Protein backbone atom coordinates (compact mmCIF):
# COMPACT_ATOMS: atom_id res chain seq x y z
CA UNK A 1 90.22 369.49 -44.15
CA UNK A 2 94.02 369.30 -41.85
CA UNK A 3 94.77 366.37 -44.53
CA UNK A 4 93.67 368.34 -47.56
CA UNK A 5 96.32 371.28 -46.05
CA UNK A 6 98.86 368.86 -45.65
CA UNK A 7 98.05 367.16 -49.35
CA UNK A 8 98.68 370.71 -50.90
CA UNK A 9 101.68 372.11 -48.81
CA UNK A 10 103.07 368.64 -49.98
CA UNK A 11 102.30 369.28 -53.74
CA UNK A 12 103.62 372.39 -53.29
CA UNK A 13 107.16 371.20 -51.89
CA UNK A 14 107.09 369.19 -54.52
CA UNK A 15 106.96 371.93 -57.17
CA UNK A 16 109.22 374.37 -55.52
CA UNK A 17 112.01 371.41 -55.57
CA UNK A 18 111.35 370.68 -59.47
CA UNK A 19 111.68 374.51 -59.89
CA UNK A 20 114.79 374.46 -58.38
CA UNK A 21 115.62 370.77 -60.13
CA UNK A 22 115.35 373.20 -63.23
CA UNK A 23 117.56 376.32 -62.51
CA UNK A 24 120.29 373.85 -61.17
CA UNK A 25 119.79 375.31 -57.39
CA UNK A 26 119.21 371.87 -56.14
CA UNK A 27 121.57 368.89 -55.60
CA UNK A 28 122.40 365.95 -58.02
CA UNK A 29 120.26 363.50 -57.37
CA UNK A 30 121.93 360.82 -54.03
CA UNK A 31 123.55 357.98 -55.86
CA UNK A 32 124.79 359.33 -59.32
CA UNK A 33 128.25 359.67 -59.78
CA UNK A 34 131.29 358.89 -62.53
CA UNK A 35 130.59 355.71 -63.84
CA UNK A 36 134.33 355.70 -65.45
CA UNK A 37 137.00 358.50 -64.88
CA UNK A 38 140.68 358.26 -66.10
CA UNK A 39 143.30 361.38 -66.26
CA UNK A 40 143.46 361.80 -62.70
CA UNK A 41 146.14 362.37 -60.51
CA UNK A 42 148.35 364.95 -58.80
CA UNK A 43 151.57 365.84 -60.93
CA UNK A 44 154.25 368.03 -61.57
CA UNK A 45 154.64 370.06 -64.35
CA UNK A 46 156.89 372.59 -66.27
CA UNK A 47 157.51 376.53 -65.91
CA UNK A 48 156.03 376.52 -69.95
CA UNK A 49 154.48 374.99 -72.08
CA UNK A 50 152.70 372.34 -70.40
CA UNK A 51 150.75 370.11 -72.67
CA UNK A 52 147.02 370.09 -72.13
CA UNK A 53 145.74 368.10 -69.40
CA UNK A 54 142.42 365.08 -71.37
CA UNK A 55 140.16 363.81 -68.48
CA UNK A 56 138.03 361.34 -70.14
CA UNK A 57 135.01 360.40 -68.08
CA UNK A 58 131.50 359.43 -67.65
CA UNK A 59 128.76 360.78 -65.37
CA UNK A 60 125.55 359.21 -64.29
CA UNK A 61 124.08 362.83 -63.54
CA UNK A 62 125.17 366.75 -63.07
CA UNK A 63 128.24 367.28 -63.05
CA UNK A 64 131.04 369.99 -62.59
CA UNK A 65 135.10 370.59 -62.74
CA UNK A 66 136.49 373.42 -60.54
CA UNK A 67 139.91 374.56 -59.79
CA UNK A 68 141.29 376.46 -56.94
CA UNK A 69 143.57 378.80 -58.83
CA UNK A 70 143.04 380.79 -61.60
CA UNK A 71 145.93 379.79 -63.63
CA UNK A 72 144.64 375.78 -64.57
CA UNK A 73 141.32 376.45 -67.05
CA UNK A 74 138.70 374.33 -68.29
CA UNK A 75 137.29 373.87 -71.39
CA UNK A 76 133.70 372.79 -69.60
CA UNK A 77 132.75 374.35 -66.54
CA UNK A 78 129.46 371.87 -65.46
CA UNK A 79 127.58 369.50 -68.23
CA UNK A 80 124.80 367.13 -68.06
CA UNK A 81 124.64 363.10 -67.64
CA UNK A 82 127.06 361.89 -70.27
CA UNK A 83 130.57 361.04 -71.78
CA UNK A 84 132.96 364.07 -71.94
CA UNK A 85 136.53 364.66 -72.38
CA UNK A 86 137.52 367.69 -70.58
CA UNK A 87 140.81 369.70 -71.65
CA UNK A 88 143.08 371.52 -68.39
CA UNK A 89 145.12 374.37 -69.73
CA UNK A 90 147.88 375.15 -67.38
CA UNK A 91 149.17 378.66 -68.21
CA UNK A 92 152.97 379.81 -67.40
CA UNK A 93 154.81 380.67 -64.93
CA UNK A 94 156.74 382.88 -63.75
CA UNK A 95 156.93 383.49 -60.27
CA UNK A 96 158.38 380.79 -57.67
CA UNK A 97 156.40 376.68 -57.56
CA UNK A 98 152.67 376.65 -57.12
CA UNK A 99 150.15 374.31 -56.51
CA UNK A 100 146.47 373.96 -56.81
CA UNK A 101 143.94 371.36 -57.30
CA UNK A 102 140.76 370.22 -59.63
CA UNK A 103 137.53 368.65 -58.62
CA UNK A 104 135.04 366.55 -60.45
CA UNK A 105 131.90 366.19 -58.61
CA UNK A 106 129.22 364.51 -59.55
CA UNK A 107 126.77 363.83 -56.98
CA UNK A 108 128.38 362.47 -53.84
CA UNK A 109 131.50 360.96 -56.07
CA UNK A 110 134.41 363.66 -55.56
CA UNK A 111 137.42 363.45 -57.23
CA UNK A 112 140.05 365.76 -56.98
CA UNK A 113 143.83 365.77 -57.86
CA UNK A 114 146.68 368.26 -57.30
CA UNK A 115 149.12 370.17 -59.61
CA UNK A 116 152.16 371.14 -58.66
CA UNK A 117 154.24 373.56 -61.51
CA UNK A 118 158.23 374.25 -60.96
CA UNK A 119 159.85 377.25 -61.11
CA UNK A 120 161.28 379.07 -64.06
CA UNK A 121 164.92 377.57 -64.05
CA UNK A 122 167.19 380.45 -64.27
CA UNK A 123 169.25 380.69 -67.21
CA UNK A 124 172.87 379.61 -67.17
CA UNK A 125 174.56 379.32 -70.73
CA UNK A 126 176.59 376.23 -70.61
CA UNK A 127 179.72 375.30 -71.91
CA UNK A 128 178.23 373.83 -75.53
CA UNK A 129 179.00 377.21 -78.14
CA UNK A 130 176.72 376.78 -80.25
CA UNK A 131 172.34 375.25 -80.69
CA UNK A 132 170.41 374.09 -83.54
CA UNK A 133 166.78 374.78 -83.99
CA UNK A 134 164.23 374.61 -87.07
CA UNK A 135 162.62 377.91 -88.35
CA UNK A 136 159.42 377.63 -89.94
CA UNK A 137 157.47 379.95 -92.67
CA UNK A 138 154.04 379.38 -93.16
CA UNK A 139 150.93 381.92 -94.84
CA UNK A 140 148.59 379.77 -92.69
CA UNK A 141 145.67 381.96 -94.77
CA UNK A 142 143.13 383.66 -93.27
CA UNK A 143 140.19 381.69 -92.26
CA UNK A 144 137.63 384.41 -93.92
CA UNK A 145 136.77 384.54 -97.52
CA UNK A 146 137.91 381.09 -98.28
CA UNK A 147 137.53 379.86 -101.37
CA UNK A 148 134.65 377.34 -101.66
CA UNK A 149 135.96 373.29 -100.86
CA UNK A 150 139.04 375.54 -98.61
CA UNK A 151 137.34 377.18 -95.92
CA UNK A 152 138.96 376.82 -91.70
CA UNK A 153 136.93 375.18 -89.40
CA UNK A 154 135.92 372.75 -91.91
CA UNK A 155 138.93 371.37 -94.03
CA UNK A 156 142.33 373.30 -93.19
CA UNK A 157 142.12 373.36 -89.05
CA UNK A 158 143.11 369.51 -88.89
CA UNK A 159 145.27 369.31 -91.64
CA UNK A 160 146.71 372.53 -89.97
CA UNK A 161 146.80 370.56 -86.73
CA UNK A 162 148.30 367.00 -88.15
CA UNK A 163 151.09 369.40 -89.70
CA UNK A 164 152.29 371.28 -87.28
CA UNK A 165 151.92 368.09 -84.72
CA UNK A 166 154.42 366.28 -87.18
CA UNK A 167 156.71 369.04 -88.18
CA UNK A 168 157.25 370.04 -84.60
CA UNK A 169 159.57 373.08 -85.04
CA UNK A 170 161.24 375.57 -82.71
CA UNK A 171 160.11 378.82 -83.55
CA UNK A 172 156.92 379.81 -86.12
CA UNK A 173 156.65 382.15 -88.72
CA UNK A 174 152.86 382.86 -90.00
CA UNK A 175 151.55 385.46 -92.22
CA UNK A 176 148.21 385.91 -92.66
CA UNK A 177 146.68 384.72 -89.17
CA UNK A 178 143.73 385.99 -87.60
CA UNK A 179 141.86 385.52 -84.47
CA UNK A 180 140.47 382.34 -84.82
CA UNK A 181 143.50 381.11 -86.01
CA UNK A 182 145.93 382.20 -83.29
CA UNK A 183 143.10 381.11 -81.30
CA UNK A 184 143.44 377.74 -82.04
CA UNK A 185 146.94 377.54 -82.32
CA UNK A 186 147.78 378.61 -78.45
CA UNK A 187 144.58 376.28 -77.86
CA UNK A 188 146.70 373.41 -79.41
CA UNK A 189 150.41 374.34 -79.31
CA UNK A 190 150.70 375.63 -75.83
CA UNK A 191 154.04 374.69 -75.60
CA UNK A 192 154.66 378.59 -77.67
CA UNK A 193 154.91 382.00 -76.96
CA UNK A 194 152.86 383.59 -79.40
CA UNK A 195 153.70 387.04 -80.77
CA UNK A 196 151.93 389.14 -83.08
CA UNK A 197 151.37 392.19 -84.61
CA UNK A 198 148.09 393.55 -86.40
CA UNK A 199 148.95 395.14 -89.90
CA UNK A 200 145.62 396.92 -89.26
CA UNK A 201 147.21 398.99 -86.46
CA UNK A 202 145.78 399.89 -82.75
CA UNK A 203 142.40 401.00 -82.12
CA UNK A 204 143.70 403.02 -78.58
CA UNK A 205 146.08 405.75 -79.55
CA UNK A 206 149.68 404.68 -78.39
CA UNK A 207 149.50 401.24 -77.02
CA UNK A 208 152.37 398.99 -77.15
CA UNK A 209 152.32 395.18 -76.32
CA UNK A 210 153.52 392.60 -78.63
CA UNK A 211 152.12 389.91 -75.76
CA UNK A 212 148.19 391.12 -76.74
CA UNK A 213 148.14 391.80 -80.43
CA UNK A 214 145.50 388.94 -80.51
CA UNK A 215 142.44 391.86 -78.39
CA UNK A 216 140.45 392.76 -80.96
CA UNK A 217 139.07 394.98 -78.49
CA UNK A 218 142.17 397.18 -78.97
CA UNK A 219 142.56 396.38 -82.40
CA UNK A 220 140.12 397.58 -85.16
CA UNK A 221 139.28 394.43 -86.47
CA UNK A 222 140.40 390.93 -85.95
CA UNK A 223 142.32 391.12 -89.29
CA UNK A 224 145.71 389.66 -90.07
CA UNK A 225 149.00 389.72 -87.43
CA UNK A 226 152.53 388.73 -88.17
CA UNK A 227 152.90 386.64 -85.53
CA UNK A 228 156.59 384.63 -83.90
CA UNK A 229 155.54 381.37 -82.08
CA UNK A 230 158.93 380.50 -79.52
CA UNK A 231 159.52 377.42 -77.95
CA UNK A 232 159.30 379.03 -74.51
CA UNK A 233 161.61 376.39 -73.08
CA UNK A 234 163.85 377.03 -75.12
CA UNK A 235 164.08 380.44 -76.45
CA UNK A 236 163.87 384.05 -74.43
CA UNK A 237 162.01 387.10 -76.43
CA UNK A 238 164.75 390.52 -74.91
CA UNK A 239 162.80 392.73 -77.66
CA UNK A 240 160.92 393.27 -79.78
CA UNK A 241 159.68 396.31 -82.98
CA UNK A 242 157.42 396.72 -85.99
CA UNK A 243 157.40 399.20 -89.17
CA UNK A 244 154.99 399.63 -92.38
CA UNK A 245 156.06 399.36 -95.80
CA UNK A 246 155.74 403.18 -96.02
CA UNK A 247 157.10 406.86 -96.23
CA UNK A 248 155.40 406.39 -92.36
CA UNK A 249 156.28 403.08 -91.40
CA UNK A 250 155.10 403.61 -87.52
CA UNK A 251 151.30 403.63 -88.61
CA UNK A 252 149.29 401.31 -90.80
CA UNK A 253 149.96 402.56 -94.14
CA UNK A 254 150.95 402.61 -97.02
CA UNK A 255 151.44 405.72 -97.88
CA UNK A 256 154.47 407.27 -100.20
CA UNK A 257 155.51 408.27 -103.46
CA UNK A 258 157.15 404.32 -103.24
CA UNK A 259 154.49 402.59 -102.15
CA UNK A 260 151.62 403.46 -103.48
CA UNK A 261 150.98 400.46 -105.74
CA UNK A 262 151.17 398.40 -103.09
CA UNK A 263 147.83 398.41 -102.53
CA UNK A 264 147.20 397.07 -98.61
CA UNK A 265 149.47 397.87 -95.78
CA UNK A 266 151.81 395.17 -95.32
CA UNK A 267 154.00 394.70 -91.97
CA UNK A 268 157.13 393.18 -90.71
CA UNK A 269 157.36 392.38 -87.28
CA UNK A 270 160.80 391.26 -85.44
CA UNK A 271 162.06 389.96 -82.22
CA UNK A 272 165.43 389.66 -80.50
CA UNK A 273 166.15 386.47 -78.86
CA UNK A 274 168.10 384.72 -76.41
CA UNK A 275 168.52 380.73 -76.49
CA UNK A 276 168.69 379.56 -72.83
CA UNK A 277 170.97 376.73 -72.79
CA UNK A 278 174.24 378.81 -74.78
CA UNK A 279 173.03 382.52 -74.47
CA UNK A 280 172.95 383.31 -77.61
CA UNK A 281 170.85 386.41 -78.92
CA UNK A 282 170.19 385.96 -82.18
CA UNK A 283 166.93 388.25 -84.34
CA UNK A 284 163.79 386.40 -86.15
CA UNK A 285 162.29 388.57 -88.77
CA UNK A 286 158.80 387.72 -89.85
CA UNK A 287 157.23 389.93 -92.97
CA UNK A 288 154.71 389.57 -95.53
CA UNK A 289 155.33 391.86 -98.48
CA UNK A 290 153.18 393.52 -101.16
CA UNK A 291 151.62 390.95 -103.70
CA UNK A 292 152.33 393.64 -106.55
CA UNK A 293 153.84 396.32 -108.27
CA UNK A 294 157.41 397.64 -108.94
CA UNK A 295 158.48 400.46 -106.64
CA UNK A 296 156.84 399.08 -103.53
CA UNK A 297 158.05 395.62 -103.59
CA UNK A 298 161.97 396.82 -104.59
CA UNK A 299 161.19 398.88 -100.91
CA UNK A 300 159.81 396.42 -99.10
CA UNK A 301 163.78 394.77 -99.42
CA UNK A 302 165.34 397.93 -99.31
CA UNK A 303 163.88 398.98 -95.72
CA UNK A 304 163.94 395.57 -94.73
CA UNK A 305 167.88 396.09 -95.28
CA UNK A 306 168.10 398.90 -93.77
CA UNK A 307 166.39 397.77 -91.05
CA UNK A 308 168.07 394.50 -90.03
CA UNK A 309 171.38 396.86 -90.44
CA UNK A 310 170.51 399.44 -87.62
CA UNK A 311 169.14 397.17 -85.32
CA UNK A 312 171.13 394.60 -85.77
CA UNK A 313 175.48 394.11 -85.31
CA UNK A 314 177.13 392.61 -88.28
CA UNK A 315 178.34 388.91 -86.70
CA UNK A 316 174.94 388.92 -85.91
CA UNK A 317 172.40 385.76 -86.35
CA UNK A 318 169.90 387.15 -88.61
CA UNK A 319 166.53 384.81 -90.07
CA UNK A 320 164.59 386.71 -92.26
CA UNK A 321 160.57 384.60 -93.18
CA UNK A 322 157.98 384.86 -94.79
CA UNK A 323 156.11 385.57 -98.60
CA UNK A 324 157.57 387.79 -99.83
CA UNK A 325 155.70 387.34 -103.35
CA UNK A 326 158.49 387.26 -105.24
CA UNK A 327 160.74 383.80 -106.73
CA UNK A 328 164.35 384.57 -105.49
CA UNK A 329 165.53 385.16 -108.60
CA UNK A 330 163.40 388.58 -108.93
CA UNK A 331 165.38 391.93 -108.91
CA UNK A 332 163.35 393.66 -106.25
CA UNK A 333 164.84 391.12 -103.65
CA UNK A 334 168.23 391.90 -104.60
CA UNK A 335 168.75 394.10 -101.49
CA UNK A 336 167.82 391.05 -99.59
CA UNK A 337 169.98 388.94 -102.03
CA UNK A 338 173.76 390.99 -101.00
CA UNK A 339 173.09 390.63 -98.01
CA UNK A 340 171.71 387.69 -96.66
CA UNK A 341 171.60 383.81 -97.76
CA UNK A 342 168.01 382.04 -98.66
CA UNK A 343 168.13 378.46 -97.13
CA UNK A 344 166.33 377.18 -99.97
CA UNK A 345 169.02 378.00 -102.61
CA UNK A 346 172.18 376.98 -99.77
CA UNK A 347 171.13 373.26 -98.45
CA UNK A 348 173.03 370.65 -100.55
CA UNK A 349 170.51 368.00 -101.89
CA UNK A 350 167.18 370.11 -101.14
CA UNK A 351 164.15 370.03 -103.18
CA UNK A 352 163.28 374.02 -103.85
CA UNK A 353 159.61 373.42 -104.36
CA UNK A 354 157.55 375.93 -105.83
CA UNK A 355 155.58 377.17 -102.33
CA UNK A 356 152.28 378.61 -103.51
CA UNK A 357 149.84 376.80 -105.57
CA UNK A 358 146.86 379.27 -105.10
CA UNK A 359 144.66 375.81 -104.66
CA UNK A 360 145.34 375.02 -108.06
CA UNK A 361 145.71 371.51 -109.20
CA UNK A 362 147.72 372.71 -112.24
CA UNK A 363 151.27 372.11 -110.75
CA UNK A 364 152.67 374.10 -113.81
CA UNK A 365 151.01 377.28 -112.40
CA UNK A 366 152.60 377.01 -109.07
CA UNK A 367 155.45 379.67 -108.07
CA UNK A 368 157.85 380.61 -105.30
CA UNK A 369 157.43 383.38 -103.45
CA UNK A 370 158.06 382.04 -99.90
CA UNK A 371 161.61 382.10 -98.42
CA UNK A 372 163.78 381.93 -95.22
CA UNK A 373 167.13 384.53 -96.02
CA UNK A 374 169.82 384.20 -93.46
CA UNK A 375 172.74 385.53 -92.11
CA UNK A 376 175.53 384.22 -89.09
CA UNK A 377 174.15 380.37 -89.38
CA UNK A 378 174.73 377.38 -90.64
CA UNK A 379 172.28 375.84 -92.61
CA UNK A 380 171.63 371.73 -92.15
CA UNK A 381 168.69 370.55 -93.73
CA UNK A 382 165.06 372.86 -95.65
CA UNK A 383 162.09 370.95 -96.32
CA UNK A 384 159.17 372.52 -98.57
CA UNK A 385 155.79 370.67 -96.70
CA UNK A 386 154.08 369.96 -100.04
CA UNK A 387 153.32 366.05 -98.36
CA UNK A 388 149.02 365.34 -99.52
CA UNK A 389 147.10 366.40 -96.17
CA UNK A 390 143.85 364.99 -95.67
CA UNK A 391 140.08 366.45 -94.97
CA UNK A 392 139.29 366.67 -98.10
CA UNK A 393 142.31 369.35 -99.01
CA UNK A 394 145.58 368.55 -100.76
CA UNK A 395 146.95 371.62 -98.47
CA UNK A 396 146.80 373.59 -95.39
CA UNK A 397 146.79 376.76 -96.94
CA UNK A 398 147.03 378.23 -100.59
CA UNK A 399 150.97 378.21 -99.60
CA UNK A 400 152.78 375.78 -98.70
CA UNK A 401 155.32 376.24 -95.21
CA UNK A 402 158.49 375.84 -95.33
CA UNK A 403 161.49 375.10 -92.41
CA UNK A 404 164.74 374.71 -92.69
CA UNK A 405 167.12 373.61 -89.56
CA UNK A 406 170.52 375.48 -88.49
CA UNK A 407 173.06 375.68 -86.26
CA UNK A 408 174.15 378.61 -84.29
CA UNK A 409 177.34 379.22 -82.86
CA UNK A 410 179.42 381.91 -80.40
CA UNK A 411 181.38 383.22 -82.02
C-alpha cells in the first residue's frame, strides 16, 4: 500500500509540474540558453535621437527580456525557443545623465549590459552666423479607406520608410497623418520630436498639448493630423499654435459665409523653433487647404498671411508648407505669393514637377498642388521626390514628397 501511495504522490507531483509549466510558473528546463546572440555590449548614447538598438539571437528555450528602468523599452517581453530580432527603444532624456541595465535570460543563461544616456547639452550659440537644413512637406495619405493596391500596410509603409531614410530631412511637415502612420514614424525615426494636432479637435474641452495629440483617448478619433517633426539634436520647439480655416478658428469647423464651400474642417499648425548651434529662431507652418470651392480657399491664404504677420516679426525666417490643393498661379494663392516666395520657383535649375498623381498612370493628369513657401531664407535646392518605389506601388502616397534645402543667417 505504501508503494501505491508513493506512486500516486509521484504522479501528482509530475502533473503539478506539468500544469505549472503550461502557465509559465516554473523555471525553464536546465540546459537551455542562447546558441547565438549579437548586439549586446555596454554603450553610451545621446540624450535624444537615439537609433533603436537591435539584438539578434537564437534561444533554445523560453526566454525573456527585462530592463531596470522605464525609459528603455523592448518591443518583445518573452517568447518560446526560436530566432528573434528584438528592438530596444531609448526615450529622450531631459534631465541629468542616467544609466539602466538590460538582461536577456534563457534558462540559466543570462546576458546583461548597461546603457548610459548623456544629459542634454546646454544650448551654446556658436560663432557661426548661419545654419542650413532640409525641409520636407508630404501629404502621406491617410491609412484608411485607400484604394485597392495602395493600402498603407501592404504597399506604402515600406516605400515610405525607404524614402525617409534616403532623403533624411531635418524637419518634416506631414498632412493626413493617421494614428497608425504617426506610430510608424515614431517607431522608425526616433531621432525626431513630433508635434501634431488633429483637424477634428479634441474630446476633452480645454485640453491643450501639441506633444500628446496622438492620444486617441482625448481626441474624437484617429483622424487626420498635421504633424511637424523636428530633428531633436538640432532644433528646440519654443512655442506653438493652431487654427482652423473658419469664422470660428479656435474650434474644429468650417463655419461662416466665406467658408461654406470648404466641405470639411482644415487646420494649420505652426511652431516657433530655435536652432541649437546658432540660437537662431524661426517659424514653421504646416497646413492643408480646402480641396475645392472658391471663397474658402482664398480665405485659407488670407487667414494664413494675416496670422503669420501677427505672429512673426518682419525679419523673422518663416516657412509655410503643405498641400494647398491649388497650383502656384491660382488667384487664391495671390496673398501668399505677395508675402512669400516659393522654393520650387526660385531655386535655379530645379525641376518643377507635378506633385499630385491620384495614383493615376497618365502623367498628363498630374497636378502641382504641394508647396514650400519661405521668407528671410536662401534656398539652395528643391526636389520633387518622384523616383519609382518598390512593393507594388510607384509612390508612397497619391502625392509626391517635396523638399527644399535652406540657409538661414543671423541679421
